[in-house]
Amino acid sequence: MKTANLIANPGADVGTGGAGTPTPVIPGWTTIEGIAAVIAYGSSGYPSASSPGPTDRGANFLGGGDSPRTRLTQQITLPMTAQIDAGTALFDIGGWLGGYAGQDDGVRLSVEFLDATARPLGVVVLGPVTAAERANTTGLLRRAQTGTVPPGSRTARVLLLFTRDGNVSNDGYADSLWLILSTPDVNLLVNPGGDSGPGGSGGATASIPGWTHLEGGTAVIAYGTSGYPTASSPGPGDRGVNFLGGGTSARSRIGQSVTLPGTAAIDAGTARYDVAAWLGGYADQNDTAQLSVAFRDAAGQTLSTVVLGPVTAAQRANTTGMLSRTTAGTVPVGSRTAQVELLFVRAGGTSNDGYADSLSLSISGGA
């Protein structure tokens, strides 16, 4: 789950930009000191469209006007209160901050998290960006910070403080500010690496929690088993104690059916999927593993299928281990379930040495 940018008019593009003169009213912002300026890129003496700054810049940016100190603020009611109070809501705060040439006029962005009684629970401060940090060049640099929203937070107070170091104009500049909340993506797959239960030594595992045997005999194998990948072989950094292999069958296949969350976002066409897996095999043998995810409607009809792998021996440089494979996209409108299948294919020999670990399927509702 991820919100849209919660800061209103984050780059002052709502309205017409001026040439540096103070702008008494800026939509979305409240002035509490001085008078800020909405400035059009390319105005004489100010950053242009090609100056250092955001690649997605609009027509305007914010400046400090001509006051020694200028302050703008906005108060934001926070969504996702249940996740905030559970300690699972994350913040992503940032903006592009800068100034003029060798002058140390600057701007500071702060976001303060407040509880229901307006008591401060935490604050993030970014900037100012000094002239030295800008190499005495007119423009803006990116500053950002991420973290956990303090439990109990109900509002966020955003403050921009522009300070003048000298001369007449307050040449602190700000653009493309953001405050985004999110929760970590939840892996919808059960037992995605075979760690729910003990690992074997390569033979077929009779029952694998969360998975249904569809063909052959898939194996749950302990890392470090003789002749198989070890804890230091190429593979996931967060690997557990086991991984999945093809056993001794020419073809082994397991599957699980996942009920998809966020049906409203799915039917609105804004839900996105992320599919990932570590797939590989043994030395120079071309035994392989392949992960497929078929999105199905309420009647069980397949709307689209995503496939990861297989990873060949050449792609592994003939080394025993696994490589990461990922893909992402929009969940087909009307999807209600996902049929996830893991297929191991033996190219030769006795063992089916296709390997897989750290499989994942997550869904997020786009904003």
Protein backbone atom coordinates (compact mmCIF):
# COMPACT_ATOMS: atom_id res chain seq x y z
CA MET A 1 0.00 0.00 0.00
CA LYS A 2 1.34 3.40 -0.98
CA THR A 3 -0.22 6.86 -0.88
CA ALA A 4 0.04 9.59 -3.43
CA ASN A 5 2.15 12.62 -2.55
CA LEU A 6 0.43 14.16 0.48
CA ILE A 7 1.96 17.63 0.00
CA ALA A 8 -0.35 19.97 -1.90
CA ASN A 9 1.13 22.04 -4.74
CA PRO A 10 4.61 20.64 -4.02
CA GLY A 11 6.38 22.64 -6.70
CA ALA A 12 4.15 25.73 -6.96
CA ASP A 13 2.87 24.73 -10.38
CA VAL A 14 -0.73 25.54 -9.44
CA GLY A 15 -0.83 29.05 -10.86
CA THR A 16 1.45 31.28 -12.89
CA GLY A 17 5.09 31.78 -12.00
CA GLY A 18 6.58 35.23 -11.67
CA ALA A 19 10.06 36.73 -12.02
CA GLY A 20 11.02 36.69 -8.34
CA THR A 21 8.61 39.18 -6.83
CA PRO A 22 6.76 38.02 -3.69
CA THR A 23 3.56 36.01 -4.22
CA PRO A 24 1.12 36.74 -1.38
CA VAL A 25 -1.14 33.72 -2.01
CA ILE A 26 0.23 30.29 -2.94
CA PRO A 27 -2.41 27.53 -3.24
CA GLY A 28 -1.98 24.79 -0.65
CA TRP A 29 0.45 26.82 1.48
CA THR A 30 0.00 29.19 4.45
CA THR A 31 2.48 32.02 4.92
CA ILE A 32 3.58 32.51 8.53
CA GLU A 33 6.61 34.79 8.02
CA GLY A 34 7.77 37.00 5.17
CA ILE A 35 6.34 36.48 1.68
CA ALA A 36 7.56 33.68 -0.60
CA ALA A 37 7.81 33.89 -4.38
CA VAL A 38 6.55 31.55 -7.09
CA ILE A 39 9.22 31.81 -9.78
CA ALA A 40 9.09 30.59 -13.37
CA TYR A 41 12.09 28.56 -14.50
CA GLY A 42 14.16 30.68 -16.88
CA SER A 43 13.41 34.02 -15.24
CA SER A 44 16.45 36.28 -15.51
CA GLY A 45 18.94 35.55 -12.73
CA TYR A 46 17.17 32.38 -11.57
CA PRO A 47 17.46 28.64 -12.36
CA SER A 48 16.49 27.62 -15.87
CA ALA A 49 14.94 24.41 -17.14
CA SER A 50 18.48 23.04 -17.64
CA SER A 51 19.92 24.06 -14.26
CA PRO A 52 20.63 21.30 -11.71
CA GLY A 53 17.28 20.20 -10.32
CA PRO A 54 14.47 17.66 -10.62
CA THR A 55 14.05 15.93 -13.97
CA ASP A 56 10.26 16.05 -13.57
CA ARG A 57 10.22 19.76 -12.74
CA GLY A 58 7.18 21.77 -13.74
CA ALA A 59 7.14 25.36 -14.91
CA ASN A 60 7.75 26.93 -11.48
CA PHE A 61 9.62 26.61 -8.20
CA LEU A 62 9.45 28.29 -4.79
CA GLY A 63 11.80 31.05 -3.62
CA GLY A 64 12.18 33.16 -0.51
CA GLY A 65 11.06 36.46 -2.05
CA ASP A 66 12.90 39.42 -0.59
CA SER A 67 12.41 38.83 3.16
CA PRO A 68 15.37 37.86 5.39
CA ARG A 69 13.27 34.91 6.63
CA THR A 70 10.30 33.42 4.85
CA ARG A 71 8.21 30.52 6.18
CA LEU A 72 5.50 28.50 4.45
CA THR A 73 3.55 25.68 6.05
CA GLN A 74 0.77 23.20 5.46
CA GLN A 75 -1.00 20.82 7.81
CA ILE A 76 -1.71 17.31 6.52
CA THR A 77 -4.18 14.81 7.95
CA LEU A 78 -2.47 11.44 7.77
CA PRO A 79 -4.13 8.35 6.26
CA MET A 80 -3.35 4.75 7.24
CA THR A 81 -3.90 5.34 10.97
CA ALA A 82 -4.26 1.62 11.71
CA GLN A 83 -0.90 0.90 10.11
CA ILE A 84 0.65 3.94 11.83
CA ASP A 85 -0.47 2.73 15.26
CA ALA A 86 0.78 -0.78 14.46
CA GLY A 87 4.20 0.65 13.67
CA THR A 88 4.15 -0.61 10.08
CA ALA A 89 3.64 2.71 8.25
CA LEU A 90 6.75 4.05 6.53
CA PHE A 91 7.44 7.63 5.43
CA ASP A 92 9.37 8.86 2.41
CA ILE A 93 10.11 12.59 2.69
CA GLY A 94 12.13 14.66 0.28
CA GLY A 95 12.56 17.59 -2.00
CA TRP A 96 14.93 19.51 -4.21
CA LEU A 97 16.60 22.37 -2.34
CA GLY A 98 19.15 24.92 -3.44
CA GLY A 99 20.14 28.49 -4.11
CA TYR A 100 22.03 31.00 -6.22
CA ALA A 101 25.69 30.75 -7.32
CA GLY A 102 28.15 31.32 -4.44
CA GLN A 103 25.57 32.80 -2.07
CA ASP A 104 24.53 30.85 1.03
CA ASP A 105 20.87 31.78 0.94
CA GLY A 106 19.11 28.46 1.56
CA VAL A 107 15.92 26.63 2.41
CA ARG A 108 15.17 23.98 5.00
CA LEU A 109 12.33 21.45 4.73
CA SER A 110 10.96 19.98 7.96
CA VAL A 111 8.10 17.55 8.52
CA GLU A 112 6.85 17.18 12.10
CA PHE A 113 4.60 14.27 13.08
CA LEU A 114 1.92 15.22 15.64
CA ASP A 115 -0.56 13.19 17.67
CA ALA A 116 -4.30 13.93 18.02
CA THR A 117 -3.55 16.66 20.61
CA ALA A 118 -0.91 18.27 18.35
CA ARG A 119 1.90 16.94 20.56
CA PRO A 120 5.11 16.43 18.52
CA LEU A 121 6.16 12.78 18.18
CA GLY A 122 9.01 13.11 15.70
CA VAL A 123 10.54 15.40 13.11
CA VAL A 124 12.52 15.07 9.88
CA VAL A 125 14.71 17.99 8.77
CA LEU A 126 16.31 18.25 5.32
CA GLY A 127 18.68 20.98 4.15
CA PRO A 128 19.68 23.64 3.78
CA VAL A 129 21.92 22.95 0.80
CA THR A 130 24.98 25.19 0.98
CA ALA A 131 26.72 26.94 -1.88
CA ALA A 132 29.70 24.63 -1.37
CA GLU A 133 27.47 21.57 -1.72
CA ARG A 134 26.17 23.04 -4.98
CA ALA A 135 29.76 23.76 -6.11
CA ASN A 136 28.73 27.46 -6.22
CA THR A 137 26.33 26.65 -9.04
CA THR A 138 22.79 28.00 -9.27
CA GLY A 139 20.40 25.09 -8.92
CA LEU A 140 18.79 22.53 -6.63
CA LEU A 141 19.97 19.22 -5.16
CA ARG A 142 17.89 16.25 -4.01
CA ARG A 143 17.53 15.60 -0.30
CA ALA A 144 15.45 12.72 1.12
CA GLN A 145 14.92 10.56 4.19
CA THR A 146 12.87 7.45 4.93
CA GLY A 147 11.74 5.86 8.19
CA THR A 148 8.82 4.68 10.31
CA VAL A 149 5.93 7.03 11.10
CA PRO A 150 5.76 7.39 14.90
CA PRO A 151 2.78 5.41 16.26
CA GLY A 152 -0.03 7.74 17.31
CA SER A 153 0.68 10.29 14.55
CA ARG A 154 -2.46 11.90 13.14
CA THR A 155 -1.15 14.95 11.30
CA ALA A 156 2.06 16.14 9.70
CA ARG A 157 3.16 19.77 9.77
CA VAL A 158 5.27 20.64 6.73
CA LEU A 159 7.44 23.74 7.02
CA LEU A 160 9.65 25.46 4.46
CA LEU A 161 12.08 28.01 5.93
CA PHE A 162 13.93 30.26 3.48
CA THR A 163 16.84 32.29 4.91
CA ARG A 164 18.74 35.16 3.29
CA ASP A 165 22.50 35.32 3.87
CA GLY A 166 22.90 38.76 2.34
CA ASN A 167 21.94 41.18 -0.45
CA VAL A 168 18.28 41.89 -1.27
CA SER A 169 16.72 38.70 -2.68
CA ASN A 170 16.16 35.63 -0.50
CA ASP A 171 17.57 33.09 -2.94
CA GLY A 172 16.69 29.86 -1.21
CA TYR A 173 14.90 27.63 -3.75
CA ALA A 174 12.65 24.57 -3.37
CA ASP A 175 10.82 22.31 -5.80
CA SER A 176 9.30 18.84 -6.17
CA LEU A 177 8.67 18.25 -2.46
CA TRP A 178 7.08 15.00 -1.34
CA LEU A 179 5.63 13.16 1.64
CA ILE A 180 4.52 9.60 0.86
CA LEU A 181 3.36 6.92 3.28
CA SER A 182 3.53 3.21 2.54
CA THR A 183 3.49 -0.21 4.14
CA PRO A 184 5.92 -3.01 3.29
CA ASP A 185 4.63 -5.28 0.57
CA VAL A 186 3.22 -8.50 1.98
CA ASN A 187 4.36 -11.71 0.32
CA LEU A 188 1.16 -13.60 -0.56
CA LEU A 189 2.96 -16.92 -1.04
CA VAL A 190 2.97 -19.50 1.72
CA ASN A 191 6.29 -21.17 2.55
CA PRO A 192 8.08 -19.40 -0.32
CA GLY A 193 11.44 -21.11 0.21
CA GLY A 194 10.58 -24.43 1.80
CA ASP A 195 11.56 -23.31 5.30
CA SER A 196 8.34 -24.47 6.98
CA GLY A 197 9.68 -27.85 7.99
CA PRO A 198 12.99 -29.71 7.89
CA GLY A 199 15.13 -29.87 4.77
CA GLY A 200 16.10 -33.14 3.13
CA SER A 201 19.07 -34.32 1.11
CA GLY A 202 17.59 -34.20 -2.41
CA GLY A 203 14.89 -36.85 -2.50
CA ALA A 204 11.23 -35.98 -3.08
CA THR A 205 9.47 -34.47 -0.05
CA ALA A 206 6.10 -36.09 0.52
CA SER A 207 4.33 -32.98 1.80
CA ILE A 208 5.44 -29.35 1.45
CA PRO A 209 3.33 -26.94 3.59
CA GLY A 210 1.46 -24.41 1.48
CA TRP A 211 2.13 -26.25 -1.78
CA THR A 212 0.28 -28.95 -3.73
CA HIS A 213 2.22 -31.56 -5.72
CA LEU A 214 1.01 -31.38 -9.34
CA GLU A 215 3.62 -33.50 -11.12
CA GLY A 216 6.67 -35.57 -10.20
CA GLY A 217 8.21 -35.14 -6.75
CA THR A 218 9.58 -31.78 -5.66
CA ALA A 219 12.23 -31.80 -2.91
CA VAL A 220 12.89 -29.53 0.06
CA ILE A 221 16.70 -29.48 0.39
CA ALA A 222 18.83 -28.14 3.23
CA TYR A 223 21.57 -25.70 2.24
CA GLY A 224 24.95 -27.39 2.58
CA THR A 225 23.73 -30.87 1.66
CA SER A 226 26.55 -32.64 -0.20
CA GLY A 227 26.44 -31.81 -3.92
CA TYR A 228 23.96 -28.97 -3.52
CA PRO A 229 24.17 -25.18 -2.95
CA THR A 230 25.61 -24.02 0.37
CA ALA A 231 24.83 -20.97 2.47
CA SER A 232 27.60 -19.12 0.58
CA SER A 233 26.63 -20.17 -2.96
CA PRO A 234 25.13 -17.48 -5.24
CA GLY A 235 21.56 -16.91 -4.04
CA PRO A 236 19.32 -14.74 -1.88
CA GLY A 237 20.94 -12.72 0.87
CA ASP A 238 18.04 -13.45 3.22
CA ARG A 239 17.90 -17.19 2.48
CA GLY A 240 16.56 -19.53 5.13
CA VAL A 241 17.90 -23.00 5.86
CA ASN A 242 16.22 -24.72 2.88
CA PHE A 243 15.47 -24.31 -0.81
CA LEU A 244 13.30 -26.14 -3.35
CA GLY A 245 14.58 -28.60 -5.95
CA GLY A 246 13.20 -30.93 -8.58
CA GLY A 247 13.93 -34.21 -6.74
CA THR A 248 14.62 -37.11 -9.12
CA SER A 249 11.69 -36.78 -11.56
CA ALA A 250 12.21 -35.61 -15.12
CA ARG A 251 9.52 -32.98 -14.45
CA SER A 252 8.38 -31.84 -11.01
CA ARG A 253 5.69 -29.23 -10.44
CA ILE A 254 4.07 -27.73 -7.36
CA GLY A 255 1.44 -25.01 -7.07
CA GLN A 256 -0.67 -22.89 -4.79
CA SER A 257 -3.75 -20.71 -5.35
CA VAL A 258 -3.69 -17.20 -3.90
CA THR A 259 -6.78 -15.09 -3.19
CA LEU A 260 -5.92 -11.55 -4.27
CA PRO A 261 -6.48 -8.59 -1.91
CA GLY A 262 -7.55 -5.09 -2.96
CA THR A 263 -10.27 -6.02 -5.45
CA ALA A 264 -11.46 -2.40 -5.68
CA ALA A 265 -8.01 -1.25 -6.79
CA ILE A 266 -7.76 -4.25 -9.13
CA ASP A 267 -11.05 -3.39 -10.83
CA ALA A 268 -10.04 0.28 -11.01
CA GLY A 269 -6.91 -0.78 -12.88
CA THR A 270 -4.56 0.73 -10.26
CA ALA A 271 -3.34 -2.42 -8.50
CA ARG A 272 0.20 -3.53 -9.29
CA TYR A 273 1.94 -6.85 -8.86
CA ASP A 274 5.55 -7.61 -8.02
CA VAL A 275 6.79 -11.15 -8.68
CA ALA A 276 10.28 -12.30 -7.71
CA ALA A 277 12.26 -15.52 -7.40
CA TRP A 278 15.77 -16.86 -7.10
CA LEU A 279 16.19 -19.59 -9.72
CA GLY A 280 19.15 -21.73 -10.74
CA GLY A 281 20.79 -25.12 -10.92
CA TYR A 282 23.91 -27.23 -10.65
CA ALA A 283 27.30 -26.46 -12.23
CA ASP A 284 27.19 -26.74 -16.05
CA GLN A 285 23.99 -28.81 -16.16
CA ASN A 286 20.91 -27.27 -17.73
CA ASP A 287 18.34 -28.57 -15.27
CA THR A 288 16.15 -25.55 -14.57
CA ALA A 289 13.35 -24.04 -12.48
CA GLN A 290 10.60 -21.73 -13.73
CA LEU A 291 8.00 -19.74 -11.77
CA SER A 292 4.65 -18.80 -13.34
CA VAL A 293 1.79 -16.69 -11.97
CA ALA A 294 -1.57 -16.89 -13.77
CA PHE A 295 -4.10 -14.17 -12.87
CA ARG A 296 -7.64 -15.55 -12.99
CA ASP A 297 -11.13 -14.05 -12.78
CA ALA A 298 -13.96 -15.19 -10.50
CA ALA A 299 -14.90 -17.92 -12.99
CA GLY A 300 -11.37 -19.31 -13.02
CA GLN A 301 -10.51 -18.00 -16.49
CA THR A 302 -6.89 -16.97 -16.96
CA LEU A 303 -6.54 -13.27 -17.83
CA SER A 304 -2.75 -13.12 -18.11
CA THR A 305 0.32 -15.08 -17.06
CA VAL A 306 3.70 -13.90 -15.80
CA VAL A 307 6.72 -16.22 -16.14
CA LEU A 308 10.16 -15.95 -14.52
CA GLY A 309 13.05 -18.11 -15.69
CA PRO A 310 14.41 -20.52 -16.44
CA VAL A 311 18.01 -19.59 -15.60
CA THR A 312 20.47 -21.50 -17.80
CA ALA A 313 23.88 -22.87 -16.87
CA ALA A 314 25.48 -20.26 -19.15
CA GLN A 315 23.66 -17.47 -17.32
CA ARG A 316 25.01 -18.88 -14.05
CA ALA A 317 28.53 -19.04 -15.58
CA ASN A 318 28.36 -22.82 -14.97
CA THR A 319 28.34 -22.16 -11.21
CA THR A 320 26.07 -23.97 -8.76
CA GLY A 321 23.63 -21.44 -7.35
CA MET A 322 20.67 -19.18 -8.08
CA LEU A 323 20.13 -15.79 -9.73
CA SER A 324 17.43 -13.20 -9.01
CA ARG A 325 14.59 -12.75 -11.46
CA THR A 326 11.82 -10.13 -11.03
CA THR A 327 8.95 -8.55 -12.90
CA ALA A 328 6.19 -6.05 -12.13
CA GLY A 329 3.06 -4.73 -13.81
CA THR A 330 -0.63 -3.96 -13.49
CA VAL A 331 -2.94 -6.67 -12.19
CA PRO A 332 -5.52 -7.44 -14.92
CA VAL A 333 -8.92 -5.91 -14.16
CA GLY A 334 -11.28 -8.57 -12.85
CA SER A 335 -8.58 -10.75 -11.29
CA ARG A 336 -9.60 -12.56 -8.13
CA THR A 337 -6.99 -15.31 -7.71
CA ALA A 338 -3.48 -16.12 -8.84
CA GLN A 339 -2.42 -19.67 -9.66
CA VAL A 340 1.27 -19.92 -8.80
CA GLU A 341 3.27 -22.85 -10.16
CA LEU A 342 6.91 -23.83 -9.84
CA LEU A 343 8.20 -26.17 -12.58
CA PHE A 344 11.49 -28.06 -12.44
CA VAL A 345 12.80 -29.69 -15.63
CA ARG A 346 15.69 -32.19 -15.83
CA ALA A 347 17.96 -31.92 -18.87
CA GLY A 348 19.89 -35.12 -18.12
CA GLY A 349 21.35 -37.35 -15.45
CA THR A 350 19.44 -38.74 -12.48
CA SER A 351 18.69 -35.77 -10.19
CA ASN A 352 16.46 -32.91 -11.28
CA ASP A 353 18.78 -30.08 -10.28
CA GLY A 354 16.54 -27.11 -10.92
CA TYR A 355 16.61 -24.97 -7.76
CA ALA A 356 14.35 -22.19 -6.42
CA ASP A 357 14.18 -20.05 -3.28
CA SER A 358 12.74 -16.78 -1.89
CA LEU A 359 9.70 -16.72 -4.19
CA SER A 360 7.33 -13.78 -3.76
CA LEU A 361 4.09 -12.31 -5.06
CA SER A 362 2.87 -9.00 -3.67
CA ILE A 363 0.02 -6.68 -4.67
CA SER A 364 -0.12 -2.95 -4.02
CA GLY A 365 -3.02 -0.60 -4.68
CA GLY A 366 -1.83 2.22 -6.89
CA ALA A 367 -2.71 5.80 -6.02
